[in-house]
Each structure stands twice: as structure tokens, then as C-alpha cells.
């Protein structure tokens, strides 16, 4: 059974940083593309970043390029999203996805 469990969200002030983690189980993590997406209230879900099985990561969302970085640790079966210089518009629920399965999400709120 594929399971994805996100953590690391919370309340942070503008300009701050957070690192989201997505712990996975139930599949051969090293073989698959993993992604982070987000959904803000009243808005459509959007793809933030993806990382290939070889570890090559790409930020897909223009508004976070240069601030967010995706990475993976194959030994821990975990994918990360490092978020720096956070802005109020980054407030959203962040989801980890892989093999068509979505995690439950973790709330990120950027506010002073």
C-alpha cells in the first residue's frame, strides 16, 4: 500500500523558511518521480516542483523559482521541499505526490 505522509508545515513570518518532508512507503521510492503541489484557498491546485528518480529536481512554478528547492533522500525514502524567502502568497496546503497517490497535505501559512 502506497503511503505518503507530509510534515513540516506551520506558521512562518514573511521572509522565513520552512522545510517540508514527505515520508513514503509501500513502493520502490528510488524508481519514481515525486512531486510537490499546492492549493491555496479558492484557487486551483498547482504543481510546484518535481524530482526524477536520478535526483534531478526541477521547480515548475515560476513564482517560487529561486526560493524553493526539491530534493530526495533515497536512504530515507523521503522527498523534501526547502522553502526560503516565504511570502504571504505561498500560503497553501502543500501535497506530496507519487505514483498517482496524494498525501494528506500539510498547511503552510505565511503571515506576520
C-alpha atoms as a PDB file:
ATOM      1  CA  UNK A   1       0.000   0.000   0.000  1.00  0.00           C
ATOM      2  CA  UNK A   2       1.489   3.286  -1.140  1.00  0.00           C
ATOM      3  CA  UNK A   3       1.591   5.872   1.624  1.00  0.00           C
ATOM      4  CA  UNK A   4       2.798   9.450   1.558  1.00  0.00           C
ATOM      5  CA  UNK A   5       2.930  11.437   4.783  1.00  0.00           C
ATOM      6  CA  UNK A   6       3.813  15.117   4.689  1.00  0.00           C
ATOM      7  CA  UNK A   7       5.129  17.095   7.629  1.00  0.00           C
ATOM      8  CA  UNK A   8       6.921  20.328   8.385  1.00  0.00           C
ATOM      9  CA  UNK A   9       4.214  22.852   7.669  1.00  0.00           C
ATOM     10  CA  UNK A  10       3.282  25.631  10.036  1.00  0.00           C
ATOM     11  CA  UNK A  11       3.042  29.354  10.584  1.00  0.00           C
ATOM     12  CA  UNK A  12       6.013  31.422   9.479  1.00  0.00           C
ATOM     13  CA  UNK A  13       6.634  35.123   9.059  1.00  0.00           C
ATOM     14  CA  UNK A  14       7.252  36.623   5.620  1.00  0.00           C
ATOM     15  CA  UNK A  15      10.874  36.122   4.664  1.00  0.00           C
ATOM     16  CA  UNK A  16      11.160  32.991   6.746  1.00  0.00           C
ATOM     17  CA  UNK A  17      11.946  29.424   5.759  1.00  0.00           C
ATOM     18  CA  UNK A  18      10.395  26.002   6.126  1.00  0.00           C
ATOM     19  CA  UNK A  19      11.372  22.546   5.021  1.00  0.00           C
ATOM     20  CA  UNK A  20       8.583  20.161   4.165  1.00  0.00           C
ATOM     21  CA  UNK A  21       9.144  16.416   4.308  1.00  0.00           C
ATOM     22  CA  UNK A  22       7.243  13.600   2.679  1.00  0.00           C
ATOM     23  CA  UNK A  23       7.904  10.162   4.095  1.00  0.00           C
ATOM     24  CA  UNK A  24       6.947   7.367   1.730  1.00  0.00           C
ATOM     25  CA  UNK A  25       6.326   3.650   1.995  1.00  0.00           C
ATOM     26  CA  UNK A  26       4.825   0.788   0.042  1.00  0.00           C
ATOM     27  CA  UNK A  27       6.757   1.199  -3.198  1.00  0.00           C
ATOM     28  CA  UNK A  28      10.297   1.378  -4.531  1.00  0.00           C
ATOM     29  CA  UNK A  29      10.829   5.054  -3.882  1.00  0.00           C
ATOM     30  CA  UNK A  30      14.066   5.347  -5.823  1.00  0.00           C
ATOM     31  CA  UNK A  31      12.407   4.434  -9.117  1.00  0.00           C
ATOM     32  CA  UNK A  32       9.732   7.092  -9.329  1.00  0.00           C
ATOM     33  CA  UNK A  33       9.222  10.748  -9.985  1.00  0.00           C
ATOM     34  CA  UNK A  34       7.959  12.602  -6.950  1.00  0.00           C
ATOM     35  CA  UNK A  35       6.273  15.970  -6.925  1.00  0.00           C
ATOM     36  CA  UNK A  36       5.112  18.735  -4.630  1.00  0.00           C
ATOM     37  CA  UNK A  37       1.923  20.617  -5.414  1.00  0.00           C
ATOM     38  CA  UNK A  38      -0.043  23.205  -3.500  1.00  0.00           C
ATOM     39  CA  UNK A  39      -3.553  24.551  -3.271  1.00  0.00           C
ATOM     40  CA  UNK A  40      -4.466  27.897  -1.811  1.00  0.00           C
ATOM     41  CA  UNK A  41      -7.987  28.692  -0.621  1.00  0.00           C
ATOM     42  CA  UNK A  42     -10.247  29.403  -3.556  1.00  0.00           C
ATOM     43  CA  UNK A  43      -7.559  28.614  -6.085  1.00  0.00           C
ATOM     44  CA  UNK A  44      -6.724  25.686  -8.307  1.00  0.00           C
ATOM     45  CA  UNK A  45      -4.080  23.203  -7.336  1.00  0.00           C
ATOM     46  CA  UNK A  46      -0.710  23.960  -8.921  1.00  0.00           C
ATOM     47  CA  UNK A  47       2.434  21.932  -9.463  1.00  0.00           C
ATOM     48  CA  UNK A  48       5.355  23.373  -7.526  1.00  0.00           C
ATOM     49  CA  UNK A  49       8.278  21.062  -8.244  1.00  0.00           C
ATOM     50  CA  UNK A  50       9.220  17.582  -9.362  1.00  0.00           C
ATOM     51  CA  UNK A  51      12.217  15.362  -8.877  1.00  0.00           C
ATOM     52  CA  UNK A  52      13.279  12.485 -11.082  1.00  0.00           C
ATOM     53  CA  UNK A  53      14.466   9.079  -9.983  1.00  0.00           C
ATOM     54  CA  UNK A  54      18.060  10.124 -10.667  1.00  0.00           C
ATOM     55  CA  UNK A  55      17.697  13.006  -8.237  1.00  0.00           C
ATOM     56  CA  UNK A  56      17.347  15.742 -10.805  1.00  0.00           C
ATOM     57  CA  UNK A  57      14.934  18.306  -9.417  1.00  0.00           C
ATOM     58  CA  UNK A  58      13.016  20.995 -11.266  1.00  0.00           C
ATOM     59  CA  UNK A  59      10.922  23.822  -9.909  1.00  0.00           C
ATOM     60  CA  UNK A  60       7.921  24.197 -12.185  1.00  0.00           C
ATOM     61  CA  UNK A  61       6.157  27.167 -10.634  1.00  0.00           C
ATOM     62  CA  UNK A  62       7.641  30.459 -11.787  1.00  0.00           C
ATOM     63  CA  UNK A  63       6.598  32.371  -8.690  1.00  0.00           C
ATOM     64  CA  UNK A  64       8.801  30.217  -6.439  1.00  0.00           C
ATOM     65  CA  UNK A  65      11.838  29.743  -8.657  1.00  0.00           C
ATOM     66  CA  UNK A  66      14.995  30.762  -6.873  1.00  0.00           C
ATOM     67  CA  UNK A  67      13.284  30.345  -3.495  1.00  0.00           C
ATOM     68  CA  UNK A  68      12.179  26.698  -3.380  1.00  0.00           C
ATOM     69  CA  UNK A  69      14.278  23.573  -3.854  1.00  0.00           C
ATOM     70  CA  UNK A  70      13.163  19.964  -4.132  1.00  0.00           C
ATOM     71  CA  UNK A  71      15.371  17.075  -3.076  1.00  0.00           C
ATOM     72  CA  UNK A  72      15.138  13.423  -2.135  1.00  0.00           C
ATOM     73  CA  UNK A  73      16.912  11.043   0.206  1.00  0.00           C
ATOM     74  CA  UNK A  74      16.735   7.523  -1.158  1.00  0.00           C
ATOM     75  CA  UNK A  75      18.076   6.023   2.060  1.00  0.00           C
ATOM     76  CA  UNK A  76      15.155   7.545   3.964  1.00  0.00           C
ATOM     77  CA  UNK A  77      12.526   7.189   1.213  1.00  0.00           C
ATOM     78  CA  UNK A  78      11.757  10.837   1.746  1.00  0.00           C
ATOM     79  CA  UNK A  79      11.314  13.827  -0.517  1.00  0.00           C
ATOM     80  CA  UNK A  80      11.802  17.389   0.711  1.00  0.00           C
ATOM     81  CA  UNK A  81      10.766  20.879  -0.278  1.00  0.00           C
ATOM     82  CA  UNK A  82      13.036  23.602   1.060  1.00  0.00           C
ATOM     83  CA  UNK A  83      11.192  26.920   1.013  1.00  0.00           C
ATOM     84  CA  UNK A  84      13.067  30.172   1.571  1.00  0.00           C
ATOM     85  CA  UNK A  85      12.058  33.829   1.478  1.00  0.00           C
ATOM     86  CA  UNK A  86       8.455  32.861   2.013  1.00  0.00           C
ATOM     87  CA  UNK A  87       5.714  35.264   1.006  1.00  0.00           C
ATOM     88  CA  UNK A  88       2.072  35.512   2.103  1.00  0.00           C
ATOM     89  CA  UNK A  89       1.047  34.276  -1.336  1.00  0.00           C
ATOM     90  CA  UNK A  90       2.834  30.993  -0.606  1.00  0.00           C
ATOM     91  CA  UNK A  91       0.122  30.217   1.937  1.00  0.00           C
ATOM     92  CA  UNK A  92      -1.476  26.941   0.879  1.00  0.00           C
ATOM     93  CA  UNK A  93      -1.826  23.279   1.636  1.00  0.00           C
ATOM     94  CA  UNK A  94       1.211  21.505   0.215  1.00  0.00           C
ATOM     95  CA  UNK A  95       0.855  17.990  -1.114  1.00  0.00           C
ATOM     96  CA  UNK A  96       3.379  15.328  -1.957  1.00  0.00           C
ATOM     97  CA  UNK A  97       2.518  13.018  -4.844  1.00  0.00           C
ATOM     98  CA  UNK A  98       3.925   9.874  -6.349  1.00  0.00           C
ATOM     99  CA  UNK A  99       2.503   7.001  -8.392  1.00  0.00           C
ATOM    100  CA  UNK A 100      -0.709   8.943  -8.692  1.00  0.00           C
ATOM    101  CA  UNK A 101      -1.142   8.908  -4.933  1.00  0.00           C
ATOM    102  CA  UNK A 102      -1.529  12.080  -2.888  1.00  0.00           C
ATOM    103  CA  UNK A 103      -0.591  12.632   0.700  1.00  0.00           C
ATOM    104  CA  UNK A 104      -2.940  14.283   3.145  1.00  0.00           C
ATOM    105  CA  UNK A 105      -1.181  17.610   2.817  1.00  0.00           C
ATOM    106  CA  UNK A 106       0.482  19.971   5.232  1.00  0.00           C
ATOM    107  CA  UNK A 107      -0.643  23.545   5.840  1.00  0.00           C
ATOM    108  CA  UNK A 108       1.808  26.373   5.291  1.00  0.00           C
ATOM    109  CA  UNK A 109       0.742  29.814   6.455  1.00  0.00           C
ATOM    110  CA  UNK A 110       2.911  32.847   5.824  1.00  0.00           C
ATOM    111  CA  UNK A 111       1.773  35.783   7.888  1.00  0.00           C
ATOM    112  CA  UNK A 112       3.081  38.436  10.220  1.00  0.00           C
END
